[in-house]
Amino acid sequence: MEDGRRNELLNGAINVKSEQQVLQEGLQILLSNMEPSKVARFWAACNLERNIFCYSLTRVCI
């Protein structure tokens, strides 16, 4: 565990991310490990709303 994260846990500081931040982080991870077309197919298979996917994709790719 990285030092910063361990210190947060020990000090009781919890950083709660917004839904949008979590989606963007997940999309960045997927795009760094998969081709964009495969990411799109994965998200479609998860039945995520099209507007969330398109918004997140444009925010990460810009």
PDB file of N, CA and C in Angstrom:
ATOM      1  N   MET A   1       0.849  -1.174   0.000  1.00  0.00           N
ATOM      2  CA  MET A   1       0.000   0.000   0.000  1.00  0.00           C
ATOM      3  C   MET A   1       0.893   1.235   0.000  1.00  0.00           C
ATOM      4  N   GLU A   2       0.570   2.196  -0.841  1.00  0.00           N
ATOM      5  CA  GLU A   2       1.382   3.399  -0.896  1.00  0.00           C
ATOM      6  C   GLU A   2       1.281   4.176   0.410  1.00  0.00           C
ATOM      7  N   ASP A   3       2.326   4.934   0.729  1.00  0.00           N
ATOM      8  CA  ASP A   3       2.401   5.650   2.003  1.00  0.00           C
ATOM      9  C   ASP A   3       1.253   6.629   2.205  1.00  0.00           C
ATOM     10  N   GLY A   4       0.906   7.374   1.158  1.00  0.00           N
ATOM     11  CA  GLY A   4      -0.170   8.355   1.284  1.00  0.00           C
ATOM     12  C   GLY A   4      -1.493   7.710   1.639  1.00  0.00           C
ATOM     13  N   ARG A   5      -1.797   6.596   0.990  1.00  0.00           N
ATOM     14  CA  ARG A   5      -3.054   5.887   1.260  1.00  0.00           C
ATOM     15  C   ARG A   5      -3.041   5.312   2.671  1.00  0.00           C
ATOM     16  N   ARG A   6      -1.916   4.763   3.091  1.00  0.00           N
ATOM     17  CA  ARG A   6      -1.818   4.201   4.434  1.00  0.00           C
ATOM     18  C   ARG A   6      -1.999   5.304   5.474  1.00  0.00           C
ATOM     19  N   ASN A   7      -1.397   6.464   5.242  1.00  0.00           N
ATOM     20  CA  ASN A   7      -1.549   7.580   6.177  1.00  0.00           C
ATOM     21  C   ASN A   7      -2.995   8.062   6.258  1.00  0.00           C
ATOM     22  N   GLU A   8      -3.686   8.081   5.116  1.00  0.00           N
ATOM     23  CA  GLU A   8      -5.100   8.461   5.123  1.00  0.00           C
ATOM     24  C   GLU A   8      -5.905   7.509   5.993  1.00  0.00           C
ATOM     25  N   LEU A   9      -5.652   6.222   5.841  1.00  0.00           N
ATOM     26  CA  LEU A   9      -6.386   5.235   6.620  1.00  0.00           C
ATOM     27  C   LEU A   9      -6.068   5.350   8.106  1.00  0.00           C
ATOM     28  N   LEU A  10      -4.800   5.561   8.423  1.00  0.00           N
ATOM     29  CA  LEU A  10      -4.399   5.661   9.827  1.00  0.00           C
ATOM     30  C   LEU A  10      -4.939   6.930  10.479  1.00  0.00           C
ATOM     31  N   ASN A  11      -5.012   8.008   9.722  1.00  0.00           N
ATOM     32  CA  ASN A  11      -5.485   9.286  10.260  1.00  0.00           C
ATOM     33  C   ASN A  11      -6.995   9.440  10.180  1.00  0.00           C
ATOM     34  N   GLY A  12      -7.662   8.472   9.602  1.00  0.00           N
ATOM     35  CA  GLY A  12      -9.111   8.526   9.512  1.00  0.00           C
ATOM     36  C   GLY A  12      -9.639   9.430   8.420  1.00  0.00           C
ATOM     37  N   ALA A  13      -8.759   9.931   7.571  1.00  0.00           N
ATOM     38  CA  ALA A  13      -9.197  10.786   6.471  1.00  0.00           C
ATOM     39  C   ALA A  13      -9.661   9.908   5.322  1.00  0.00           C
ATOM     40  N   ILE A  14     -10.910  10.086   4.940  1.00  0.00           N
ATOM     41  CA  ILE A  14     -11.462   9.296   3.847  1.00  0.00           C
ATOM     42  C   ILE A  14     -11.834  10.250   2.724  1.00  0.00           C
ATOM     43  N   ASN A  15     -11.298   9.979   1.556  1.00  0.00           N
ATOM     44  CA  ASN A  15     -11.585  10.792   0.384  1.00  0.00           C
ATOM     45  C   ASN A  15     -12.647  10.077  -0.441  1.00  0.00           C
ATOM     46  N   VAL A  16     -13.876  10.560  -0.374  1.00  0.00           N
ATOM     47  CA  VAL A  16     -14.972   9.950  -1.109  1.00  0.00           C
ATOM     48  C   VAL A  16     -15.077  10.632  -2.465  1.00  0.00           C
ATOM     49  N   LYS A  17     -14.911   9.838  -3.522  1.00  0.00           N
ATOM     50  CA  LYS A  17     -14.964  10.378  -4.880  1.00  0.00           C
ATOM     51  C   LYS A  17     -16.402  10.386  -5.377  1.00  0.00           C
ATOM     52  N   SER A  18     -16.674  11.332  -6.267  1.00  0.00           N
ATOM     53  CA  SER A  18     -17.998  11.409  -6.867  1.00  0.00           C
ATOM     54  C   SER A  18     -18.174  10.266  -7.861  1.00  0.00           C
ATOM     55  N   GLU A  19     -19.415  10.028  -8.229  1.00  0.00           N
ATOM     56  CA  GLU A  19     -19.721   8.993  -9.215  1.00  0.00           C
ATOM     57  C   GLU A  19     -18.965   9.256 -10.517  1.00  0.00           C
ATOM     58  N   GLN A  20     -18.934  10.509 -10.942  1.00  0.00           N
ATOM     59  CA  GLN A  20     -18.247  10.874 -12.184  1.00  0.00           C
ATOM     60  C   GLN A  20     -16.752  10.598 -12.084  1.00  0.00           C
ATOM     61  N   GLN A  21     -16.137  10.904 -10.946  1.00  0.00           N
ATOM     62  CA  GLN A  21     -14.713  10.648 -10.767  1.00  0.00           C
ATOM     63  C   GLN A  21     -14.403   9.159 -10.834  1.00  0.00           C
ATOM     64  N   VAL A  22     -15.253   8.353 -10.238  1.00  0.00           N
ATOM     65  CA  VAL A  22     -15.063   6.900 -10.256  1.00  0.00           C
ATOM     66  C   VAL A  22     -15.189   6.371 -11.682  1.00  0.00           C
ATOM     67  N   LEU A  23     -16.195   6.852 -12.421  1.00  0.00           N
ATOM     68  CA  LEU A  23     -16.367   6.427 -13.803  1.00  0.00           C
ATOM     69  C   LEU A  23     -15.172   6.824 -14.663  1.00  0.00           C
ATOM     70  N   GLN A  24     -14.684   8.042 -14.482  1.00  0.00           N
ATOM     71  CA  GLN A  24     -13.530   8.496 -15.254  1.00  0.00           C
ATOM     72  C   GLN A  24     -12.293   7.673 -14.933  1.00  0.00           C
ATOM     73  N   GLU A  25     -12.075   7.388 -13.655  1.00  0.00           N
ATOM     74  CA  GLU A  25     -10.920   6.586 -13.261  1.00  0.00           C
ATOM     75  C   GLU A  25     -11.006   5.180 -13.848  1.00  0.00           C
ATOM     76  N   GLY A  26     -12.182   4.584 -13.777  1.00  0.00           N
ATOM     77  CA  GLY A  26     -12.367   3.250 -14.345  1.00  0.00           C
ATOM     78  C   GLY A  26     -12.142   3.238 -15.843  1.00  0.00           C
ATOM     79  N   LEU A  27     -12.648   4.255 -16.514  1.00  0.00           N
ATOM     80  CA  LEU A  27     -12.481   4.337 -17.956  1.00  0.00           C
ATOM     81  C   LEU A  27     -11.012   4.530 -18.332  1.00  0.00           C
ATOM     82  N   GLN A  28     -10.294   5.331 -17.565  1.00  0.00           N
ATOM     83  CA  GLN A  28      -8.867   5.512 -17.816  1.00  0.00           C
ATOM     84  C   GLN A  28      -8.113   4.191 -17.672  1.00  0.00           C
ATOM     85  N   ILE A  29      -8.468   3.408 -16.660  1.00  0.00           N
ATOM     86  CA  ILE A  29      -7.827   2.113 -16.460  1.00  0.00           C
ATOM     87  C   ILE A  29      -8.122   1.188 -17.634  1.00  0.00           C
ATOM     88  N   LEU A  30      -9.390   1.153 -18.046  1.00  0.00           N
ATOM     89  CA  LEU A  30      -9.754   0.306 -19.179  1.00  0.00           C
ATOM     90  C   LEU A  30      -9.021   0.735 -20.446  1.00  0.00           C
ATOM     91  N   LEU A  31      -8.996   2.042 -20.727  1.00  0.00           N
ATOM     92  CA  LEU A  31      -8.362   2.526 -21.946  1.00  0.00           C
ATOM     93  C   LEU A  31      -6.850   2.326 -21.941  1.00  0.00           C
ATOM     94  N   SER A  32      -6.251   2.286 -20.774  1.00  0.00           N
ATOM     95  CA  SER A  32      -4.800   2.077 -20.717  1.00  0.00           C
ATOM     96  C   SER A  32      -4.437   0.611 -20.907  1.00  0.00           C
ATOM     97  N   ASN A  33      -5.428  -0.276 -20.811  1.00  0.00           N
ATOM     98  CA  ASN A  33      -5.149  -1.702 -20.924  1.00  0.00           C
ATOM     99  C   ASN A  33      -5.864  -2.392 -22.086  1.00  0.00           C
ATOM    100  N   MET A  34      -6.772  -1.689 -22.733  1.00  0.00           N
ATOM    101  CA  MET A  34      -7.569  -2.286 -23.815  1.00  0.00           C
ATOM    102  C   MET A  34      -7.682  -1.314 -24.969  1.00  0.00           C
ATOM    103  N   GLU A  35      -7.960  -1.848 -26.152  1.00  0.00           N
ATOM    104  CA  GLU A  35      -8.231  -0.999 -27.312  1.00  0.00           C
ATOM    105  C   GLU A  35      -9.564  -0.282 -27.090  1.00  0.00           C
ATOM    106  N   PRO A  36      -9.678   0.954 -27.585  1.00  0.00           N
ATOM    107  CA  PRO A  36     -10.926   1.697 -27.388  1.00  0.00           C
ATOM    108  C   PRO A  36     -12.177   0.942 -27.846  1.00  0.00           C
ATOM    109  N   SER A  37     -12.081   0.208 -28.943  1.00  0.00           N
ATOM    110  CA  SER A  37     -13.251  -0.529 -29.424  1.00  0.00           C
ATOM    111  C   SER A  37     -13.666  -1.619 -28.435  1.00  0.00           C
ATOM    112  N   LYS A  38     -12.698  -2.230 -27.775  1.00  0.00           N
ATOM    113  CA  LYS A  38     -13.008  -3.262 -26.778  1.00  0.00           C
ATOM    114  C   LYS A  38     -13.607  -2.641 -25.522  1.00  0.00           C
ATOM    115  N   VAL A  39     -13.116  -1.451 -25.170  1.00  0.00           N
ATOM    116  CA  VAL A  39     -13.686  -0.739 -24.025  1.00  0.00           C
ATOM    117  C   VAL A  39     -15.150  -0.414 -24.303  1.00  0.00           C
ATOM    118  N   ALA A  40     -15.424   0.065 -25.505  1.00  0.00           N
ATOM    119  CA  ALA A  40     -16.800   0.402 -25.870  1.00  0.00           C
ATOM    120  C   ALA A  40     -17.693  -0.832 -25.799  1.00  0.00           C
ATOM    121  N   ARG A  41     -17.209  -1.947 -26.285  1.00  0.00           N
ATOM    122  CA  ARG A  41     -17.997  -3.187 -26.233  1.00  0.00           C
ATOM    123  C   ARG A  41     -18.221  -3.634 -24.799  1.00  0.00           C
ATOM    124  N   PHE A  42     -17.204  -3.483 -23.960  1.00  0.00           N
ATOM    125  CA  PHE A  42     -17.334  -3.848 -22.556  1.00  0.00           C
ATOM    126  C   PHE A  42     -18.409  -3.008 -21.877  1.00  0.00           C
ATOM    127  N   TRP A  43     -18.347  -1.676 -22.067  1.00  0.00           N
ATOM    128  CA  TRP A  43     -19.312  -0.788 -21.439  1.00  0.00           C
ATOM    129  C   TRP A  43     -20.716  -1.074 -21.940  1.00  0.00           C
ATOM    130  N   ALA A  44     -20.846  -1.356 -23.238  1.00  0.00           N
ATOM    131  CA  ALA A  44     -22.162  -1.680 -23.791  1.00  0.00           C
ATOM    132  C   ALA A  44     -22.689  -2.969 -23.164  1.00  0.00           C
ATOM    133  N   ALA A  45     -21.820  -3.932 -22.968  1.00  0.00           N
ATOM    134  CA  ALA A  45     -22.232  -5.198 -22.369  1.00  0.00           C
ATOM    135  C   ALA A  45     -22.666  -5.019 -20.916  1.00  0.00           C
ATOM    136  N   CYS A  46     -22.145  -4.022 -20.273  1.00  0.00           N
ATOM    137  CA  CYS A  46     -22.522  -3.736 -18.880  1.00  0.00           C
ATOM    138  C   CYS A  46     -23.830  -2.954 -18.793  1.00  0.00           C
ATOM    139  N   ASN A  47     -24.415  -2.642 -19.936  1.00  0.00           N
ATOM    140  CA  ASN A  47     -25.694  -1.925 -20.001  1.00  0.00           C
ATOM    141  C   ASN A  47     -25.648  -0.550 -19.344  1.00  0.00           C
ATOM    142  N   LEU A  48     -24.531   0.135 -19.488  1.00  0.00           N
ATOM    143  CA  LEU A  48     -24.441   1.487 -18.949  1.00  0.00           C
ATOM    144  C   LEU A  48     -25.147   2.447 -19.898  1.00  0.00           C
ATOM    145  N   GLU A  49     -25.662   3.501 -19.363  1.00  0.00           N
ATOM    146  CA  GLU A  49     -26.380   4.466 -20.179  1.00  0.00           C
ATOM    147  C   GLU A  49     -25.444   5.087 -21.202  1.00  0.00           C
ATOM    148  N   ARG A  50     -25.928   5.251 -22.397  1.00  0.00           N
ATOM    149  CA  ARG A  50     -25.103   5.756 -23.490  1.00  0.00           C
ATOM    150  C   ARG A  50     -24.547   7.149 -23.187  1.00  0.00           C
ATOM    151  N   ASN A  51     -25.350   8.004 -22.613  1.00  0.00           N
ATOM    152  CA  ASN A  51     -24.868   9.365 -22.375  1.00  0.00           C
ATOM    153  C   ASN A  51     -23.754   9.407 -21.332  1.00  0.00           C
ATOM    154  N   ILE A  52     -23.772   8.548 -20.346  1.00  0.00           N
ATOM    155  CA  ILE A  52     -22.689   8.500 -19.352  1.00  0.00           C
ATOM    156  C   ILE A  52     -21.409   8.050 -20.032  1.00  0.00           C
ATOM    157  N   PHE A  53     -21.509   7.005 -20.854  1.00  0.00           N
ATOM    158  CA  PHE A  53     -20.330   6.493 -21.548  1.00  0.00           C
ATOM    159  C   PHE A  53     -19.737   7.551 -22.471  1.00  0.00           C
ATOM    160  N   CYS A  54     -20.566   8.172 -23.284  1.00  0.00           N
ATOM    161  CA  CYS A  54     -20.067   9.158 -24.244  1.00  0.00           C
ATOM    162  C   CYS A  54     -19.451  10.355 -23.529  1.00  0.00           C
ATOM    163  N   TYR A  55     -20.096  10.828 -22.479  1.00  0.00           N
ATOM    164  CA  TYR A  55     -19.558  11.963 -21.727  1.00  0.00           C
ATOM    165  C   TYR A  55     -18.221  11.604 -21.101  1.00  0.00           C
ATOM    166  N   SER A  56     -18.140  10.445 -20.454  1.00  0.00           N
ATOM    167  CA  SER A  56     -16.906  10.027 -19.807  1.00  0.00           C
ATOM    168  C   SER A  56     -15.798   9.809 -20.821  1.00  0.00           C
ATOM    169  N   LEU A  57     -16.127   9.201 -21.935  1.00  0.00           N
ATOM    170  CA  LEU A  57     -15.126   8.928 -22.964  1.00  0.00           C
ATOM    171  C   LEU A  57     -14.544  10.220 -23.506  1.00  0.00           C
ATOM    172  N   THR A  58     -15.374  11.208 -23.781  1.00  0.00           N
ATOM    173  CA  THR A  58     -14.857  12.464 -24.325  1.00  0.00           C
ATOM    174  C   THR A  58     -14.031  13.209 -23.277  1.00  0.00           C
ATOM    175  N   ARG A  59     -14.404  13.110 -22.011  1.00  0.00           N
ATOM    176  CA  ARG A  59     -13.650  13.796 -20.948  1.00  0.00           C
ATOM    177  C   ARG A  59     -12.268  13.162 -20.767  1.00  0.00           C
ATOM    178  N   VAL A  60     -12.155  11.849 -20.891  1.00  0.00           N
ATOM    179  CA  VAL A  60     -10.879  11.166 -20.707  1.00  0.00           C
ATOM    180  C   VAL A  60      -9.988  11.350 -21.925  1.00  0.00           C
ATOM    181  N   CYS A  61     -10.557  11.335 -23.116  1.00  0.00           N
ATOM    182  CA  CYS A  61      -9.778  11.370 -24.341  1.00  0.00           C
ATOM    183  C   CYS A  61      -9.332  12.768 -24.741  1.00  0.00           C
ATOM    184  N   ILE A  62      -9.897  13.789 -24.125  1.00  0.00           N
ATOM    185  CA  ILE A  62      -9.539  15.168 -24.482  1.00  0.00           C
ATOM    186  C   ILE A  62      -8.228  15.540 -23.809  1.00  0.00           C
TER     187      ILE A  62
END
